[in-house]
Amino acid sequence: MHCRPGCGACCIAVSISSSLPGMPDGKPAGVRCANLTVDNACMIHDTPEFPRVCAGLKPGREMCGQTREEAMAYLTDLEEKTKPH
């Protein structure tokens, strides 16, 4: 499966603890990544700056759902279930 054009759910819902361009302290969950274009494409995909956590996310039916809203809901729930307590 390939990413849904214009989705960007994983670039918003997921937290990133490592430094990335434009966000030296990482990115909190629910915050739009500084490297996400206005049409929700990643400007650093396939570059050395692409965070490992992002590279580990592979689009799939369960994660992406049928719509961007379903992807956001799934990833937000996953983020909540996996955050440190």
N, C-alpha and C. Protein backbone atom coordinates (compact mmCIF):
# COMPACT_ATOMS: atom_id res chain seq x y z
N MET A 1 0.85 -1.18 0.00
CA MET A 1 0.00 0.00 0.00
C MET A 1 0.90 1.24 0.00
N HIS A 2 0.44 2.28 -0.66
CA HIS A 2 1.16 3.55 -0.70
C HIS A 2 0.41 4.59 0.11
N CYS A 3 1.11 5.63 0.51
CA CYS A 3 0.46 6.71 1.26
C CYS A 3 -0.64 7.35 0.42
N ARG A 4 -1.70 7.74 1.09
CA ARG A 4 -2.81 8.43 0.44
C ARG A 4 -2.39 9.87 0.17
N PRO A 5 -2.41 10.32 -1.07
CA PRO A 5 -2.03 11.71 -1.36
C PRO A 5 -2.86 12.69 -0.55
N GLY A 6 -2.19 13.68 0.02
CA GLY A 6 -2.88 14.71 0.78
C GLY A 6 -3.29 14.32 2.18
N CYS A 7 -2.86 13.17 2.68
CA CYS A 7 -3.27 12.72 4.01
C CYS A 7 -2.47 13.41 5.11
N GLY A 8 -1.22 13.05 5.27
CA GLY A 8 -0.36 13.66 6.27
C GLY A 8 -0.70 13.31 7.71
N ALA A 9 -1.58 12.34 7.93
CA ALA A 9 -1.99 11.99 9.30
C ALA A 9 -0.80 11.58 10.16
N CYS A 10 0.12 10.80 9.60
CA CYS A 10 1.27 10.36 10.39
C CYS A 10 2.21 11.51 10.71
N CYS A 11 2.14 12.58 9.94
CA CYS A 11 3.00 13.75 10.16
C CYS A 11 2.38 14.74 11.16
N ILE A 12 1.21 14.39 11.64
CA ILE A 12 0.52 15.23 12.63
C ILE A 12 0.28 14.45 13.91
N ALA A 13 -0.31 13.28 13.81
CA ALA A 13 -0.74 12.52 14.98
C ALA A 13 0.41 11.96 15.81
N VAL A 14 1.50 11.59 15.17
CA VAL A 14 2.59 10.87 15.82
C VAL A 14 3.60 11.84 16.45
N SER A 15 4.09 11.50 17.64
CA SER A 15 5.16 12.29 18.26
C SER A 15 6.51 11.82 17.72
N ILE A 16 7.47 12.74 17.70
CA ILE A 16 8.83 12.43 17.26
C ILE A 16 9.75 12.97 18.34
N SER A 17 10.51 12.09 18.96
CA SER A 17 11.38 12.53 20.06
C SER A 17 12.74 13.03 19.58
N SER A 18 13.13 12.67 18.38
CA SER A 18 14.42 13.11 17.85
C SER A 18 14.31 14.47 17.16
N SER A 19 15.45 15.10 17.03
CA SER A 19 15.53 16.38 16.33
C SER A 19 15.25 16.17 14.84
N LEU A 20 14.61 17.13 14.23
CA LEU A 20 14.39 17.09 12.79
C LEU A 20 14.42 18.52 12.27
N PRO A 21 14.64 18.72 10.99
CA PRO A 21 14.72 20.07 10.45
C PRO A 21 13.49 20.90 10.83
N GLY A 22 13.75 22.08 11.37
CA GLY A 22 12.67 22.97 11.77
C GLY A 22 12.08 22.68 13.14
N MET A 23 12.45 21.56 13.73
CA MET A 23 11.94 21.15 15.03
C MET A 23 13.06 20.49 15.83
N PRO A 24 14.01 21.28 16.30
CA PRO A 24 15.19 20.71 16.95
C PRO A 24 14.90 19.93 18.23
N ASP A 25 13.76 20.17 18.86
CA ASP A 25 13.40 19.45 20.08
C ASP A 25 12.40 18.33 19.82
N GLY A 26 12.22 17.96 18.57
CA GLY A 26 11.25 16.93 18.20
C GLY A 26 9.88 17.53 17.98
N LYS A 27 8.87 16.66 17.87
CA LYS A 27 7.51 17.09 17.57
C LYS A 27 6.52 16.38 18.49
N PRO A 28 5.72 17.14 19.22
CA PRO A 28 4.70 16.51 20.05
C PRO A 28 3.58 15.89 19.20
N ALA A 29 2.92 14.90 19.74
CA ALA A 29 1.77 14.30 19.08
C ALA A 29 0.69 15.37 18.87
N GLY A 30 0.04 15.32 17.72
CA GLY A 30 -1.04 16.25 17.43
C GLY A 30 -0.59 17.58 16.86
N VAL A 31 0.72 17.77 16.72
CA VAL A 31 1.27 19.01 16.17
C VAL A 31 1.73 18.74 14.75
N ARG A 32 1.37 19.62 13.85
CA ARG A 32 1.76 19.49 12.45
C ARG A 32 3.28 19.61 12.33
N CYS A 33 3.90 18.69 11.61
CA CYS A 33 5.35 18.72 11.40
C CYS A 33 5.72 19.93 10.55
N ALA A 34 6.83 20.56 10.90
CA ALA A 34 7.32 21.71 10.15
C ALA A 34 7.73 21.33 8.73
N ASN A 35 7.91 20.06 8.47
CA ASN A 35 8.35 19.60 7.15
C ASN A 35 7.20 19.10 6.28
N LEU A 36 5.99 19.37 6.69
CA LEU A 36 4.80 18.98 5.95
C LEU A 36 4.37 20.15 5.08
N THR A 37 4.24 19.92 3.79
CA THR A 37 3.84 20.99 2.87
C THR A 37 2.35 21.30 3.02
N VAL A 38 1.89 22.37 2.38
CA VAL A 38 0.48 22.75 2.46
C VAL A 38 -0.42 21.67 1.88
N ASP A 39 0.10 20.86 0.96
CA ASP A 39 -0.71 19.76 0.42
C ASP A 39 -0.41 18.43 1.12
N ASN A 40 0.16 18.52 2.34
CA ASN A 40 0.41 17.37 3.22
C ASN A 40 1.39 16.34 2.65
N ALA A 41 2.43 16.81 2.00
CA ALA A 41 3.52 15.95 1.55
C ALA A 41 4.75 16.24 2.42
N CYS A 42 5.55 15.22 2.67
CA CYS A 42 6.75 15.37 3.49
C CYS A 42 7.91 15.89 2.64
N MET A 43 8.48 17.01 3.06
CA MET A 43 9.60 17.61 2.33
C MET A 43 10.92 16.87 2.57
N ILE A 44 11.01 16.05 3.63
CA ILE A 44 12.28 15.39 3.93
C ILE A 44 12.23 13.87 3.75
N HIS A 45 11.13 13.37 3.21
CA HIS A 45 11.01 11.94 2.95
C HIS A 45 12.15 11.51 2.03
N ASP A 46 12.74 10.36 2.29
CA ASP A 46 13.85 9.83 1.50
C ASP A 46 15.11 10.70 1.55
N THR A 47 15.29 11.43 2.64
CA THR A 47 16.53 12.18 2.85
C THR A 47 17.17 11.68 4.15
N PRO A 48 18.43 11.99 4.38
CA PRO A 48 19.07 11.57 5.64
C PRO A 48 18.41 12.16 6.88
N GLU A 49 17.70 13.27 6.76
CA GLU A 49 17.05 13.92 7.90
C GLU A 49 15.73 13.27 8.29
N PHE A 50 15.22 12.35 7.46
CA PHE A 50 13.94 11.69 7.72
C PHE A 50 14.06 10.89 9.02
N PRO A 51 13.24 11.21 10.05
CA PRO A 51 13.35 10.52 11.34
C PRO A 51 13.11 9.01 11.24
N ARG A 52 13.82 8.27 12.07
CA ARG A 52 13.69 6.81 12.09
C ARG A 52 12.26 6.37 12.40
N VAL A 53 11.61 7.08 13.32
CA VAL A 53 10.23 6.70 13.67
C VAL A 53 9.31 6.85 12.45
N CYS A 54 9.56 7.85 11.63
CA CYS A 54 8.75 8.04 10.43
C CYS A 54 9.02 6.94 9.41
N ALA A 55 10.29 6.60 9.26
CA ALA A 55 10.66 5.54 8.32
C ALA A 55 10.06 4.20 8.74
N GLY A 56 9.84 4.02 10.03
CA GLY A 56 9.26 2.78 10.53
C GLY A 56 7.77 2.65 10.32
N LEU A 57 7.11 3.76 10.04
CA LEU A 57 5.67 3.71 9.78
C LEU A 57 5.44 3.29 8.34
N LYS A 58 4.77 2.19 8.16
CA LYS A 58 4.49 1.69 6.82
C LYS A 58 2.98 1.75 6.59
N PRO A 59 2.55 2.41 5.52
CA PRO A 59 1.12 2.50 5.28
C PRO A 59 0.49 1.13 5.12
N GLY A 60 -0.67 0.98 5.72
CA GLY A 60 -1.41 -0.27 5.63
C GLY A 60 -2.88 -0.02 5.87
N ARG A 61 -3.70 -0.98 5.52
CA ARG A 61 -5.16 -0.81 5.64
C ARG A 61 -5.60 -0.45 7.06
N GLU A 62 -5.02 -1.13 8.05
CA GLU A 62 -5.43 -0.87 9.44
C GLU A 62 -5.05 0.55 9.86
N MET A 63 -3.82 0.95 9.60
CA MET A 63 -3.34 2.26 10.02
C MET A 63 -4.00 3.39 9.21
N CYS A 64 -4.11 3.21 7.92
CA CYS A 64 -4.58 4.29 7.05
C CYS A 64 -6.11 4.37 6.92
N GLY A 65 -6.78 3.26 7.16
CA GLY A 65 -8.23 3.26 7.03
C GLY A 65 -8.67 3.61 5.61
N GLN A 66 -9.90 4.08 5.51
CA GLN A 66 -10.46 4.45 4.22
C GLN A 66 -10.34 5.94 3.94
N THR A 67 -10.09 6.72 4.99
CA THR A 67 -10.03 8.18 4.85
C THR A 67 -8.92 8.74 5.73
N ARG A 68 -8.59 10.00 5.49
CA ARG A 68 -7.61 10.69 6.32
C ARG A 68 -8.09 10.74 7.77
N GLU A 69 -9.37 10.95 7.97
CA GLU A 69 -9.95 11.02 9.31
C GLU A 69 -9.78 9.70 10.05
N GLU A 70 -9.97 8.59 9.36
CA GLU A 70 -9.76 7.28 9.97
C GLU A 70 -8.29 7.09 10.34
N ALA A 71 -7.39 7.53 9.47
CA ALA A 71 -5.95 7.43 9.76
C ALA A 71 -5.60 8.27 10.99
N MET A 72 -6.12 9.48 11.06
CA MET A 72 -5.86 10.35 12.22
C MET A 72 -6.37 9.69 13.50
N ALA A 73 -7.57 9.13 13.46
CA ALA A 73 -8.15 8.49 14.64
C ALA A 73 -7.30 7.29 15.07
N TYR A 74 -6.90 6.46 14.13
CA TYR A 74 -6.09 5.28 14.44
C TYR A 74 -4.75 5.69 15.05
N LEU A 75 -4.06 6.63 14.41
CA LEU A 75 -2.74 7.03 14.88
C LEU A 75 -2.80 7.79 16.20
N THR A 76 -3.84 8.58 16.40
CA THR A 76 -4.01 9.28 17.68
C THR A 76 -4.23 8.27 18.80
N ASP A 77 -5.03 7.25 18.54
CA ASP A 77 -5.27 6.20 19.53
C ASP A 77 -3.98 5.42 19.80
N LEU A 78 -3.25 5.09 18.75
CA LEU A 78 -1.98 4.38 18.92
C LEU A 78 -0.99 5.21 19.73
N GLU A 79 -0.92 6.48 19.45
CA GLU A 79 -0.02 7.38 20.19
C GLU A 79 -0.40 7.40 21.67
N GLU A 80 -1.68 7.48 21.94
CA GLU A 80 -2.15 7.51 23.34
C GLU A 80 -1.81 6.20 24.05
N LYS A 81 -1.99 5.08 23.38
CA LYS A 81 -1.74 3.77 23.99
C LYS A 81 -0.26 3.49 24.20
N THR A 82 0.61 4.15 23.45
CA THR A 82 2.04 3.83 23.54
C THR A 82 2.86 4.92 24.21
N LYS A 83 2.24 6.00 24.67
CA LYS A 83 3.03 7.06 25.30
C LYS A 83 3.49 6.60 26.68
N PRO A 84 4.67 7.08 27.09
CA PRO A 84 5.17 6.73 28.41
C PRO A 84 4.26 7.29 29.50
N HIS A 85 4.12 6.58 30.59
CA HIS A 85 3.26 7.04 31.69
C HIS A 85 4.07 7.65 32.79
